[in-house]
Amino acid sequence: MGSAEKRERELQEQIQEEIRRVKLPRGKEVIGILEQRLGGSRCKVRCLDGNTRVCRIPGRLKRKLWVRENDIVLIDPWEFGGESRGDIIFKYRKTQVSWLKKKGYLDKLEDVEEF
């Protein structure tokens, strides 16, 4: 067995592990699409519940979580002002987004992109 085959198998195992560990929304958490970066670790996110929130990246994640426009993220709405504000707590990778679409968690995504 060559080293190329070994690397390929390790890559496949890594992808399978990543898909197994997809973080799903719990409680009040919502999935959203990052529309615009506003600066100062703040972003405008269009959530699947129909609200557009100004979300921030908490200090504990500031250096770990790098986001761009059109990324799929997990939002934790604030207790006060939860309709318009929240925290970005997780960013989904490409394989995780495809798994979410396949399982039906992003069905509302097509409806949100229309307007």
PDB file of N, CA and C in Angstrom:
ATOM      1  N   MET A   1       0.857  -1.171   0.000  1.00  0.00           N
ATOM      2  CA  MET A   1       0.000   0.000   0.000  1.00  0.00           C
ATOM      3  C   MET A   1       0.902   1.233   0.000  1.00  0.00           C
ATOM      4  N   GLY A   2       0.630   2.139  -0.966  1.00  0.00           N
ATOM      5  CA  GLY A   2       1.437   3.332  -1.102  1.00  0.00           C
ATOM      6  C   GLY A   2       1.007   4.428  -0.149  1.00  0.00           C
ATOM      7  N   SER A   3       1.857   5.426  -0.057  1.00  0.00           N
ATOM      8  CA  SER A   3       1.548   6.526   0.851  1.00  0.00           C
ATOM      9  C   SER A   3       0.369   7.357   0.341  1.00  0.00           C
ATOM     10  N   ALA A   4       0.157   7.391  -0.970  1.00  0.00           N
ATOM     11  CA  ALA A   4      -0.970   8.139  -1.530  1.00  0.00           C
ATOM     12  C   ALA A   4      -2.295   7.498  -1.121  1.00  0.00           C
ATOM     13  N   GLU A   5      -2.341   6.160  -1.152  1.00  0.00           N
ATOM     14  CA  GLU A   5      -3.566   5.459  -0.730  1.00  0.00           C
ATOM     15  C   GLU A   5      -3.835   5.688   0.748  1.00  0.00           C
ATOM     16  N   LYS A   6      -2.759   5.690   1.533  1.00  0.00           N
ATOM     17  CA  LYS A   6      -2.900   5.895   2.975  1.00  0.00           C
ATOM     18  C   LYS A   6      -3.441   7.288   3.276  1.00  0.00           C
ATOM     19  N   ARG A   7      -2.904   8.320   2.575  1.00  0.00           N
ATOM     20  CA  ARG A   7      -3.400   9.690   2.767  1.00  0.00           C
ATOM     21  C   ARG A   7      -4.859   9.816   2.356  1.00  0.00           C
ATOM     22  N   GLU A   8      -5.230   9.146   1.255  1.00  0.00           N
ATOM     23  CA  GLU A   8      -6.616   9.190   0.767  1.00  0.00           C
ATOM     24  C   GLU A   8      -7.570   8.583   1.802  1.00  0.00           C
ATOM     25  N   ARG A   9      -7.173   7.454   2.389  1.00  0.00           N
ATOM     26  CA  ARG A   9      -8.014   6.802   3.389  1.00  0.00           C
ATOM     27  C   ARG A   9      -8.146   7.685   4.633  1.00  0.00           C
ATOM     28  N   GLU A  10      -7.050   8.318   5.060  1.00  0.00           N
ATOM     29  CA  GLU A  10      -7.097   9.214   6.224  1.00  0.00           C
ATOM     30  C   GLU A  10      -8.007  10.405   5.966  1.00  0.00           C
ATOM     31  N   LEU A  11      -7.961  10.928   4.736  1.00  0.00           N
ATOM     32  CA  LEU A  11      -8.823  12.051   4.376  1.00  0.00           C
ATOM     33  C   LEU A  11     -10.292  11.650   4.422  1.00  0.00           C
ATOM     34  N   GLN A  12     -10.611  10.468   3.899  1.00  0.00           N
ATOM     35  CA  GLN A  12     -11.998   9.984   3.929  1.00  0.00           C
ATOM     36  C   GLN A  12     -12.483   9.789   5.364  1.00  0.00           C
ATOM     37  N   GLU A  13     -11.632   9.234   6.217  1.00  0.00           N
ATOM     38  CA  GLU A  13     -12.000   9.046   7.623  1.00  0.00           C
ATOM     39  C   GLU A  13     -12.241  10.385   8.312  1.00  0.00           C
ATOM     40  N   GLN A  14     -11.419  11.381   7.988  1.00  0.00           N
ATOM     41  CA  GLN A  14     -11.576  12.713   8.568  1.00  0.00           C
ATOM     42  C   GLN A  14     -12.900  13.339   8.135  1.00  0.00           C
ATOM     43  N   ILE A  15     -13.264  13.180   6.874  1.00  0.00           N
ATOM     44  CA  ILE A  15     -14.534  13.720   6.375  1.00  0.00           C
ATOM     45  C   ILE A  15     -15.706  13.031   7.067  1.00  0.00           C
ATOM     46  N   GLN A  16     -15.645  11.711   7.214  1.00  0.00           N
ATOM     47  CA  GLN A  16     -16.719  10.990   7.886  1.00  0.00           C
ATOM     48  C   GLN A  16     -16.853  11.429   9.337  1.00  0.00           C
ATOM     49  N   GLU A  17     -15.733  11.643  10.024  1.00  0.00           N
ATOM     50  CA  GLU A  17     -15.771  12.094  11.415  1.00  0.00           C
ATOM     51  C   GLU A  17     -16.371  13.487  11.507  1.00  0.00           C
ATOM     52  N   GLU A  18     -16.026  14.356  10.552  1.00  0.00           N
ATOM     53  CA  GLU A  18     -16.542  15.717  10.538  1.00  0.00           C
ATOM     54  C   GLU A  18     -18.054  15.711  10.342  1.00  0.00           C
ATOM     55  N   ILE A  19     -18.554  14.851   9.456  1.00  0.00           N
ATOM     56  CA  ILE A  19     -19.989  14.777   9.207  1.00  0.00           C
ATOM     57  C   ILE A  19     -20.709  14.226  10.430  1.00  0.00           C
ATOM     58  N   ARG A  20     -20.102  13.263  11.120  1.00  0.00           N
ATOM     59  CA  ARG A  20     -20.726  12.695  12.305  1.00  0.00           C
ATOM     60  C   ARG A  20     -20.908  13.726  13.407  1.00  0.00           C
ATOM     61  N   ARG A  21     -20.066  14.723  13.444  1.00  0.00           N
ATOM     62  CA  ARG A  21     -20.085  15.690  14.534  1.00  0.00           C
ATOM     63  C   ARG A  21     -20.743  17.011  14.142  1.00  0.00           C
ATOM     64  N   VAL A  22     -21.755  16.972  13.328  1.00  0.00           N
ATOM     65  CA  VAL A  22     -22.452  18.198  12.940  1.00  0.00           C
ATOM     66  C   VAL A  22     -23.237  18.709  14.138  1.00  0.00           C
ATOM     67  N   LYS A  23     -23.021  19.962  14.472  1.00  0.00           N
ATOM     68  CA  LYS A  23     -23.697  20.570  15.611  1.00  0.00           C
ATOM     69  C   LYS A  23     -25.076  21.055  15.153  1.00  0.00           C
ATOM     70  N   LEU A  24     -26.117  20.556  15.779  1.00  0.00           N
ATOM     71  CA  LEU A  24     -27.484  20.919  15.425  1.00  0.00           C
ATOM     72  C   LEU A  24     -28.010  21.965  16.407  1.00  0.00           C
ATOM     73  N   PRO A  25     -28.970  22.792  15.962  1.00  0.00           N
ATOM     74  CA  PRO A  25     -29.522  23.810  16.865  1.00  0.00           C
ATOM     75  C   PRO A  25     -30.281  23.181  18.033  1.00  0.00           C
ATOM     76  N   ARG A  26     -30.023  23.690  19.229  1.00  0.00           N
ATOM     77  CA  ARG A  26     -30.724  23.231  20.430  1.00  0.00           C
ATOM     78  C   ARG A  26     -31.438  24.410  21.063  1.00  0.00           C
ATOM     79  N   GLY A  27     -32.602  24.175  21.596  1.00  0.00           N
ATOM     80  CA  GLY A  27     -33.337  25.232  22.294  1.00  0.00           C
ATOM     81  C   GLY A  27     -33.673  26.391  21.375  1.00  0.00           C
ATOM     82  N   LYS A  28     -33.166  27.583  21.708  1.00  0.00           N
ATOM     83  CA  LYS A  28     -33.478  28.785  20.933  1.00  0.00           C
ATOM     84  C   LYS A  28     -32.471  29.051  19.816  1.00  0.00           C
ATOM     85  N   GLU A  29     -31.456  28.202  19.655  1.00  0.00           N
ATOM     86  CA  GLU A  29     -30.441  28.418  18.629  1.00  0.00           C
ATOM     87  C   GLU A  29     -31.052  28.311  17.238  1.00  0.00           C
ATOM     88  N   VAL A  30     -30.512  29.107  16.304  1.00  0.00           N
ATOM     89  CA  VAL A  30     -31.049  29.211  14.951  1.00  0.00           C
ATOM     90  C   VAL A  30     -29.891  29.144  13.952  1.00  0.00           C
ATOM     91  N   ILE A  31     -30.147  28.549  12.800  1.00  0.00           N
ATOM     92  CA  ILE A  31     -29.163  28.538  11.718  1.00  0.00           C
ATOM     93  C   ILE A  31     -29.383  29.785  10.872  1.00  0.00           C
ATOM     94  N   GLY A  32     -28.301  30.398  10.391  1.00  0.00           N
ATOM     95  CA  GLY A  32     -28.411  31.607   9.588  1.00  0.00           C
ATOM     96  C   GLY A  32     -27.317  31.702   8.541  1.00  0.00           C
ATOM     97  N   ILE A  33     -27.507  32.657   7.616  1.00  0.00           N
ATOM     98  CA  ILE A  33     -26.538  32.929   6.560  1.00  0.00           C
ATOM     99  C   ILE A  33     -25.935  34.295   6.825  1.00  0.00           C
ATOM    100  N   LEU A  34     -24.622  34.367   6.837  1.00  0.00           N
ATOM    101  CA  LEU A  34     -23.938  35.629   7.073  1.00  0.00           C
ATOM    102  C   LEU A  34     -24.057  36.494   5.824  1.00  0.00           C
ATOM    103  N   GLU A  35     -24.725  37.627   5.945  1.00  0.00           N
ATOM    104  CA  GLU A  35     -24.950  38.523   4.809  1.00  0.00           C
ATOM    105  C   GLU A  35     -23.832  39.530   4.637  1.00  0.00           C
ATOM    106  N   GLN A  36     -23.404  40.135   5.756  1.00  0.00           N
ATOM    107  CA  GLN A  36     -22.477  41.253   5.662  1.00  0.00           C
ATOM    108  C   GLN A  36     -21.653  41.340   6.939  1.00  0.00           C
ATOM    109  N   ARG A  37     -20.366  41.623   6.787  1.00  0.00           N
ATOM    110  CA  ARG A  37     -19.518  41.875   7.937  1.00  0.00           C
ATOM    111  C   ARG A  37     -19.538  43.370   8.216  1.00  0.00           C
ATOM    112  N   LEU A  38     -19.763  43.724   9.473  1.00  0.00           N
ATOM    113  CA  LEU A  38     -19.922  45.130   9.837  1.00  0.00           C
ATOM    114  C   LEU A  38     -18.689  45.707  10.523  1.00  0.00           C
ATOM    115  N   GLY A  39     -17.738  44.880  10.900  1.00  0.00           N
ATOM    116  CA  GLY A  39     -16.552  45.365  11.592  1.00  0.00           C
ATOM    117  C   GLY A  39     -16.694  45.243  13.095  1.00  0.00           C
ATOM    118  N   GLY A  40     -15.585  45.167  13.784  1.00  0.00           N
ATOM    119  CA  GLY A  40     -15.630  45.059  15.233  1.00  0.00           C
ATOM    120  C   GLY A  40     -16.246  43.758  15.709  1.00  0.00           C
ATOM    121  N   SER A  41     -15.988  42.667  14.999  1.00  0.00           N
ATOM    122  CA  SER A  41     -16.516  41.327  15.278  1.00  0.00           C
ATOM    123  C   SER A  41     -18.048  41.273  15.237  1.00  0.00           C
ATOM    124  N   ARG A  42     -18.663  42.165  14.462  1.00  0.00           N
ATOM    125  CA  ARG A  42     -20.113  42.158  14.278  1.00  0.00           C
ATOM    126  C   ARG A  42     -20.450  41.824  12.835  1.00  0.00           C
ATOM    127  N   CYS A  43     -21.573  41.142  12.661  1.00  0.00           N
ATOM    128  CA  CYS A  43     -22.005  40.722  11.330  1.00  0.00           C
ATOM    129  C   CYS A  43     -23.522  40.804  11.244  1.00  0.00           C
ATOM    130  N   LYS A  44     -24.011  40.996  10.030  1.00  0.00           N
ATOM    131  CA  LYS A  44     -25.444  40.953   9.781  1.00  0.00           C
ATOM    132  C   LYS A  44     -25.759  39.553   9.258  1.00  0.00           C
ATOM    133  N   VAL A  45     -26.680  38.855   9.946  1.00  0.00           N
ATOM    134  CA  VAL A  45     -26.997  37.465   9.631  1.00  0.00           C
ATOM    135  C   VAL A  45     -28.490  37.337   9.369  1.00  0.00           C
ATOM    136  N   ARG A  46     -28.836  36.695   8.241  1.00  0.00           N
ATOM    137  CA  ARG A  46     -30.234  36.402   7.926  1.00  0.00           C
ATOM    138  C   ARG A  46     -30.534  34.999   8.439  1.00  0.00           C
ATOM    139  N   CYS A  47     -31.404  34.905   9.436  1.00  0.00           N
ATOM    140  CA  CYS A  47     -31.690  33.641  10.104  1.00  0.00           C
ATOM    141  C   CYS A  47     -32.861  32.931   9.440  1.00  0.00           C
ATOM    142  N   LEU A  48     -32.928  31.613   9.637  1.00  0.00           N
ATOM    143  CA  LEU A  48     -33.979  30.813   9.017  1.00  0.00           C
ATOM    144  C   LEU A  48     -35.339  31.005   9.686  1.00  0.00           C
ATOM    145  N   ASP A  49     -35.379  31.674  10.837  1.00  0.00           N
ATOM    146  CA  ASP A  49     -36.666  31.956  11.465  1.00  0.00           C
ATOM    147  C   ASP A  49     -37.292  33.238  10.918  1.00  0.00           C
ATOM    148  N   GLY A  50     -36.657  33.870   9.930  1.00  0.00           N
ATOM    149  CA  GLY A  50     -37.218  35.048   9.279  1.00  0.00           C
ATOM    150  C   GLY A  50     -36.654  36.373   9.756  1.00  0.00           C
ATOM    151  N   ASN A  51     -35.866  36.370  10.815  1.00  0.00           N
ATOM    152  CA  ASN A  51     -35.308  37.610  11.348  1.00  0.00           C
ATOM    153  C   ASN A  51     -33.921  37.867  10.769  1.00  0.00           C
ATOM    154  N   THR A  52     -33.582  39.151  10.652  1.00  0.00           N
ATOM    155  CA  THR A  52     -32.214  39.548  10.330  1.00  0.00           C
ATOM    156  C   THR A  52     -31.616  40.128  11.592  1.00  0.00           C
ATOM    157  N   ARG A  53     -30.525  39.517  12.054  1.00  0.00           N
ATOM    158  CA  ARG A  53     -29.929  39.913  13.326  1.00  0.00           C
ATOM    159  C   ARG A  53     -28.536  40.489  13.116  1.00  0.00           C
ATOM    160  N   VAL A  54     -28.174  41.439  13.974  1.00  0.00           N
ATOM    161  CA  VAL A  54     -26.796  41.898  14.052  1.00  0.00           C
ATOM    162  C   VAL A  54     -26.154  41.033  15.126  1.00  0.00           C
ATOM    163  N   CYS A  55     -25.228  40.179  14.693  1.00  0.00           N
ATOM    164  CA  CYS A  55     -24.631  39.204  15.599  1.00  0.00           C
ATOM    165  C   CYS A  55     -23.158  39.519  15.809  1.00  0.00           C
ATOM    166  N   ARG A  56     -22.668  39.131  16.957  1.00  0.00           N
ATOM    167  CA  ARG A  56     -21.262  39.347  17.257  1.00  0.00           C
ATOM    168  C   ARG A  56     -20.596  38.002  17.489  1.00  0.00           C
ATOM    169  N   ILE A  57     -19.286  38.000  17.320  1.00  0.00           N
ATOM    170  CA  ILE A  57     -18.489  36.823  17.643  1.00  0.00           C
ATOM    171  C   ILE A  57     -17.966  37.038  19.055  1.00  0.00           C
ATOM    172  N   PRO A  58     -18.337  36.174  20.008  1.00  0.00           N
ATOM    173  CA  PRO A  58     -17.904  36.368  21.394  1.00  0.00           C
ATOM    174  C   PRO A  58     -16.386  36.359  21.520  1.00  0.00           C
ATOM    175  N   GLY A  59     -15.876  36.990  22.565  1.00  0.00           N
ATOM    176  CA  GLY A  59     -14.444  37.110  22.769  1.00  0.00           C
ATOM    177  C   GLY A  59     -13.713  35.783  22.822  1.00  0.00           C
ATOM    178  N   ARG A  60     -14.345  34.744  23.376  1.00  0.00           N
ATOM    179  CA  ARG A  60     -13.685  33.442  23.484  1.00  0.00           C
ATOM    180  C   ARG A  60     -13.486  32.788  22.124  1.00  0.00           C
ATOM    181  N   LEU A  61     -14.249  33.230  21.098  1.00  0.00           N
ATOM    182  CA  LEU A  61     -14.140  32.650  19.763  1.00  0.00           C
ATOM    183  C   LEU A  61     -13.507  33.593  18.746  1.00  0.00           C
ATOM    184  N   LYS A  62     -13.164  34.803  19.160  1.00  0.00           N
ATOM    185  CA  LYS A  62     -12.714  35.832  18.218  1.00  0.00           C
ATOM    186  C   LYS A  62     -11.551  35.387  17.340  1.00  0.00           C
ATOM    187  N   ARG A  63     -10.566  34.752  17.911  1.00  0.00           N
ATOM    188  CA  ARG A  63      -9.386  34.352  17.142  1.00  0.00           C
ATOM    189  C   ARG A  63      -9.558  32.988  16.483  1.00  0.00           C
ATOM    190  N   LYS A  64     -10.516  32.206  16.928  1.00  0.00           N
ATOM    191  CA  LYS A  64     -10.721  30.858  16.396  1.00  0.00           C
ATOM    192  C   LYS A  64     -11.701  30.820  15.236  1.00  0.00           C
ATOM    193  N   LEU A  65     -12.687  31.710  15.245  1.00  0.00           N
ATOM    194  CA  LEU A  65     -13.789  31.645  14.295  1.00  0.00           C
ATOM    195  C   LEU A  65     -13.648  32.740  13.250  1.00  0.00           C
ATOM    196  N   TRP A  66     -13.275  32.356  12.037  1.00  0.00           N
ATOM    197  CA  TRP A  66     -13.129  33.294  10.932  1.00  0.00           C
ATOM    198  C   TRP A  66     -14.295  33.089   9.988  1.00  0.00           C
ATOM    199  N   VAL A  67     -15.046  34.153   9.731  1.00  0.00           N
ATOM    200  CA  VAL A  67     -16.239  34.032   8.899  1.00  0.00           C
ATOM    201  C   VAL A  67     -16.143  34.941   7.682  1.00  0.00           C
ATOM    202  N   ARG A  68     -16.866  34.550   6.652  1.00  0.00           N
ATOM    203  CA  ARG A  68     -16.981  35.330   5.423  1.00  0.00           C
ATOM    204  C   ARG A  68     -18.450  35.426   5.052  1.00  0.00           C
ATOM    205  N   GLU A  69     -18.736  36.263   4.056  1.00  0.00           N
ATOM    206  CA  GLU A  69     -20.113  36.377   3.589  1.00  0.00           C
ATOM    207  C   GLU A  69     -20.554  35.049   2.989  1.00  0.00           C
ATOM    208  N   ASN A  70     -21.844  34.749   3.136  1.00  0.00           N
ATOM    209  CA  ASN A  70     -22.506  33.530   2.656  1.00  0.00           C
ATOM    210  C   ASN A  70     -22.101  32.279   3.428  1.00  0.00           C
ATOM    211  N   ASP A  71     -21.437  32.407   4.566  1.00  0.00           N
ATOM    212  CA  ASP A  71     -21.171  31.254   5.420  1.00  0.00           C
ATOM    213  C   ASP A  71     -22.447  30.889   6.162  1.00  0.00           C
ATOM    214  N   ILE A  72     -22.628  29.599   6.416  1.00  0.00           N
ATOM    215  CA  ILE A  72     -23.754  29.118   7.218  1.00  0.00           C
ATOM    216  C   ILE A  72     -23.254  29.031   8.659  1.00  0.00           C
ATOM    217  N   VAL A  73     -23.955  29.712   9.572  1.00  0.00           N
ATOM    218  CA  VAL A  73     -23.514  29.786  10.967  1.00  0.00           C
ATOM    219  C   VAL A  73     -24.667  29.441  11.903  1.00  0.00           C
ATOM    220  N   LEU A  74     -24.307  29.114  13.136  1.00  0.00           N
ATOM    221  CA  LEU A  74     -25.283  28.825  14.182  1.00  0.00           C
ATOM    222  C   LEU A  74     -25.335  30.027  15.113  1.00  0.00           C
ATOM    223  N   ILE A  75     -26.546  30.536  15.348  1.00  0.00           N
ATOM    224  CA  ILE A  75     -26.771  31.760  16.115  1.00  0.00           C
ATOM    225  C   ILE A  75     -27.450  31.431  17.445  1.00  0.00           C
ATOM    226  N   ASP A  76     -27.004  32.095  18.489  1.00  0.00           N
ATOM    227  CA  ASP A  76     -27.657  32.028  19.794  1.00  0.00           C
ATOM    228  C   ASP A  76     -28.266  33.398  20.070  1.00  0.00           C
ATOM    229  N   PRO A  77     -29.593  33.571  19.892  1.00  0.00           N
ATOM    230  CA  PRO A  77     -30.213  34.889  20.126  1.00  0.00           C
ATOM    231  C   PRO A  77     -30.074  35.323  21.587  1.00  0.00           C
ATOM    232  N   TRP A  78     -29.951  36.622  21.776  1.00  0.00           N
ATOM    233  CA  TRP A  78     -29.856  37.172  23.123  1.00  0.00           C
ATOM    234  C   TRP A  78     -31.205  37.080  23.826  1.00  0.00           C
ATOM    235  N   GLU A  79     -31.178  37.071  25.174  1.00  0.00           N
ATOM    236  CA  GLU A  79     -32.425  37.055  25.935  1.00  0.00           C
ATOM    237  C   GLU A  79     -33.196  38.346  25.745  1.00  0.00           C
ATOM    238  N   PHE A  80     -32.488  39.482  25.807  1.00  0.00           N
ATOM    239  CA  PHE A  80     -33.118  40.770  25.584  1.00  0.00           C
ATOM    240  C   PHE A  80     -32.713  41.238  24.201  1.00  0.00           C
ATOM    241  N   GLY A  81     -33.659  41.572  23.370  1.00  0.00           N
ATOM    242  CA  GLY A  81     -33.358  41.979  22.005  1.00  0.00           C
ATOM    243  C   GLY A  81     -33.035  40.792  21.116  1.00  0.00           C
ATOM    244  N   GLY A  82     -33.570  39.629  21.423  1.00  0.00           N
ATOM    245  CA  GLY A  82     -33.279  38.412  20.683  1.00  0.00           C
ATOM    246  C   GLY A  82     -33.782  38.414  19.254  1.00  0.00           C
ATOM    247  N   GLU A  83     -34.761  39.294  18.954  1.00  0.00           N
ATOM    248  CA  GLU A  83     -35.274  39.370  17.588  1.00  0.00           C
ATOM    249  C   GLU A  83     -34.305  40.096  16.669  1.00  0.00           C
ATOM    250  N   SER A  84     -33.417  40.929  17.243  1.00  0.00           N
ATOM    251  CA  SER A  84     -32.526  41.717  16.401  1.00  0.00           C
ATOM    252  C   SER A  84     -31.042  41.514  16.705  1.00  0.00           C
ATOM    253  N   ARG A  85     -30.713  40.759  17.765  1.00  0.00           N
ATOM    254  CA  ARG A  85     -29.315  40.584  18.144  1.00  0.00           C
ATOM    255  C   ARG A  85     -29.047  39.147  18.574  1.00  0.00           C
ATOM    256  N   GLY A  86     -27.777  38.746  18.450  1.00  0.00           N
ATOM    257  CA  GLY A  86     -27.394  37.401  18.866  1.00  0.00           C
ATOM    258  C   GLY A  86     -25.891  37.208  18.796  1.00  0.00           C
ATOM    259  N   ASP A  87     -25.457  35.993  19.132  1.00  0.00           N
ATOM    260  CA  ASP A  87     -24.050  35.625  19.093  1.00  0.00           C
ATOM    261  C   ASP A  87     -23.849  34.516  18.069  1.00  0.00           C
ATOM    262  N   ILE A  88     -22.750  34.593  17.316  1.00  0.00           N
ATOM    263  CA  ILE A  88     -22.368  33.514  16.406  1.00  0.00           C
ATOM    264  C   ILE A  88     -21.561  32.521  17.228  1.00  0.00           C
ATOM    265  N   ILE A  89     -22.051  31.276  17.306  1.00  0.00           N
ATOM    266  CA  ILE A  89     -21.368  30.309  18.166  1.00  0.00           C
ATOM    267  C   ILE A  89     -20.703  29.182  17.383  1.00  0.00           C
ATOM    268  N   PHE A  90     -21.020  29.047  16.081  1.00  0.00           N
ATOM    269  CA  PHE A  90     -20.436  27.959  15.305  1.00  0.00           C
ATOM    270  C   PHE A  90     -20.540  28.261  13.819  1.00  0.00           C
ATOM    271  N   LYS A  91     -19.522  27.857  13.059  1.00  0.00           N
ATOM    272  CA  LYS A  91     -19.548  27.994  11.602  1.00  0.00           C
ATOM    273  C   LYS A  91     -19.496  26.603  10.992  1.00  0.00           C
ATOM    274  N   TYR A  92     -20.428  26.324  10.080  1.00  0.00           N
ATOM    275  CA  TYR A  92     -20.478  25.020   9.421  1.00  0.00           C
ATOM    276  C   TYR A  92     -19.509  24.984   8.247  1.00  0.00           C
ATOM    277  N   ARG A  93     -18.847  23.841   8.054  1.00  0.00           N
ATOM    278  CA  ARG A  93     -17.965  23.629   6.913  1.00  0.00           C
ATOM    279  C   ARG A  93     -18.775  23.093   5.739  1.00  0.00           C
ATOM    280  N   LYS A  94     -18.135  23.016   4.553  1.00  0.00           N
ATOM    281  CA  LYS A  94     -18.850  22.617   3.336  1.00  0.00           C
ATOM    282  C   LYS A  94     -19.492  21.240   3.468  1.00  0.00           C
ATOM    283  N   THR A  95     -18.768  20.275   4.004  1.00  0.00           N
ATOM    284  CA  THR A  95     -19.328  18.927   4.127  1.00  0.00           C
ATOM    285  C   THR A  95     -20.490  18.904   5.115  1.00  0.00           C
ATOM    286  N   GLN A  96     -20.393  19.711   6.156  1.00  0.00           N
ATOM    287  CA  GLN A  96     -21.471  19.782   7.135  1.00  0.00           C
ATOM    288  C   GLN A  96     -22.706  20.447   6.533  1.00  0.00           C
ATOM    289  N   VAL A  97     -22.507  21.485   5.695  1.00  0.00           N
ATOM    290  CA  VAL A  97     -23.631  22.158   5.047  1.00  0.00           C
ATOM    291  C   VAL A  97     -24.333  21.197   4.101  1.00  0.00           C
ATOM    292  N   SER A  98     -23.571  20.408   3.338  1.00  0.00           N
ATOM    293  CA  SER A  98     -24.199  19.446   2.419  1.00  0.00           C
ATOM    294  C   SER A  98     -24.975  18.391   3.204  1.00  0.00           C
ATOM    295  N   TRP A  99     -24.465  17.966   4.367  1.00  0.00           N
ATOM    296  CA  TRP A  99     -25.184  17.003   5.199  1.00  0.00           C
ATOM    297  C   TRP A  99     -26.483  17.615   5.729  1.00  0.00           C
ATOM    298  N   LEU A 100     -26.418  18.883   6.172  1.00  0.00           N
ATOM    299  CA  LEU A 100     -27.619  19.562   6.671  1.00  0.00           C
ATOM    300  C   LEU A 100     -28.672  19.689   5.578  1.00  0.00           C
ATOM    301  N   LYS A 101     -28.244  20.002   4.345  1.00  0.00           N
ATOM    302  CA  LYS A 101     -29.193  20.105   3.230  1.00  0.00           C
ATOM    303  C   LYS A 101     -29.821  18.759   2.938  1.00  0.00           C
ATOM    304  N   LYS A 102     -29.000  17.709   2.961  1.00  0.00           N
ATOM    305  CA  LYS A 102     -29.496  16.368   2.657  1.00  0.00           C
ATOM    306  C   LYS A 102     -30.510  15.899   3.700  1.00  0.00           C
ATOM    307  N   LYS A 103     -30.286  16.251   4.953  1.00  0.00           N
ATOM    308  CA  LYS A 103     -31.178  15.836   6.040  1.00  0.00           C
ATOM    309  C   LYS A 103     -32.393  16.752   6.207  1.00  0.00           C
ATOM    310  N   GLY A 104     -32.431  17.891   5.479  1.00  0.00           N
ATOM    311  CA  GLY A 104     -33.611  18.741   5.513  1.00  0.00           C
ATOM    312  C   GLY A 104     -33.579  19.874   6.512  1.00  0.00           C
ATOM    313  N   TYR A 105     -32.453  20.122   7.149  1.00  0.00           N
ATOM    314  CA  TYR A 105     -32.374  21.216   8.117  1.00  0.00           C
ATOM    315  C   TYR A 105     -32.329  22.579   7.439  1.00  0.00           C
ATOM    316  N   LEU A 106     -31.916  22.619   6.168  1.00  0.00           N
ATOM    317  CA  LEU A 106     -31.803  23.888   5.451  1.00  0.00           C
ATOM    318  C   LEU A 106     -32.878  24.032   4.379  1.00  0.00           C
ATOM    319  N   ASP A 107     -34.041  23.386   4.573  1.00  0.00           N
ATOM    320  CA  ASP A 107     -35.125  23.493   3.593  1.00  0.00           C
ATOM    321  C   ASP A 107     -35.633  24.926   3.481  1.00  0.00           C
ATOM    322  N   LYS A 108     -35.643  25.654   4.587  1.00  0.00           N
ATOM    323  CA  LYS A 108     -36.117  27.044   4.578  1.00  0.00           C
ATOM    324  C   LYS A 108     -35.137  27.966   3.886  1.00  0.00           C
ATOM    325  N   LEU A 109     -33.932  27.467   3.604  1.00  0.00           N
ATOM    326  CA  LEU A 109     -32.893  28.281   2.978  1.00  0.00           C
ATOM    327  C   LEU A 109     -33.323  28.800   1.611  1.00  0.00           C
ATOM    328  N   GLU A 110     -33.994  27.979   0.826  1.00  0.00           N
ATOM    329  CA  GLU A 110     -34.456  28.409  -0.493  1.00  0.00           C
ATOM    330  C   GLU A 110     -35.508  29.505  -0.362  1.00  0.00           C
ATOM    331  N   ASP A 111     -36.383  29.405   0.634  1.00  0.00           N
ATOM    332  CA  ASP A 111     -37.410  30.436   0.854  1.00  0.00           C
ATOM    333  C   ASP A 111     -36.765  31.753   1.267  1.00  0.00           C
ATOM    334  N   VAL A 112     -35.729  31.689   2.104  1.00  0.00           N
ATOM    335  CA  VAL A 112     -35.053  32.899   2.595  1.00  0.00           C
ATOM    336  C   VAL A 112     -34.320  33.591   1.459  1.00  0.00           C
ATOM    337  N   GLU A 113     -33.722  32.835   0.532  1.00  0.00           N
ATOM    338  CA  GLU A 113     -32.936  33.442  -0.536  1.00  0.00           C
ATOM    339  C   GLU A 113     -33.794  34.162  -1.565  1.00  0.00           C
ATOM    340  N   GLU A 114     -35.115  33.915  -1.570  1.00  0.00           N
ATOM    341  CA  GLU A 114     -35.983  34.551  -2.554  1.00  0.00           C
ATOM    342  C   GLU A 114     -36.100  36.061  -2.351  1.00  0.00           C
ATOM    343  N   PHE A 115     -36.181  36.506  -1.107  1.00  0.00           N
ATOM    344  CA  PHE A 115     -36.369  37.942  -0.872  1.00  0.00           C
ATOM    345  C   PHE A 115     -35.128  38.567  -0.421  1.00  0.00           C
TER     346      PHE A 115
END
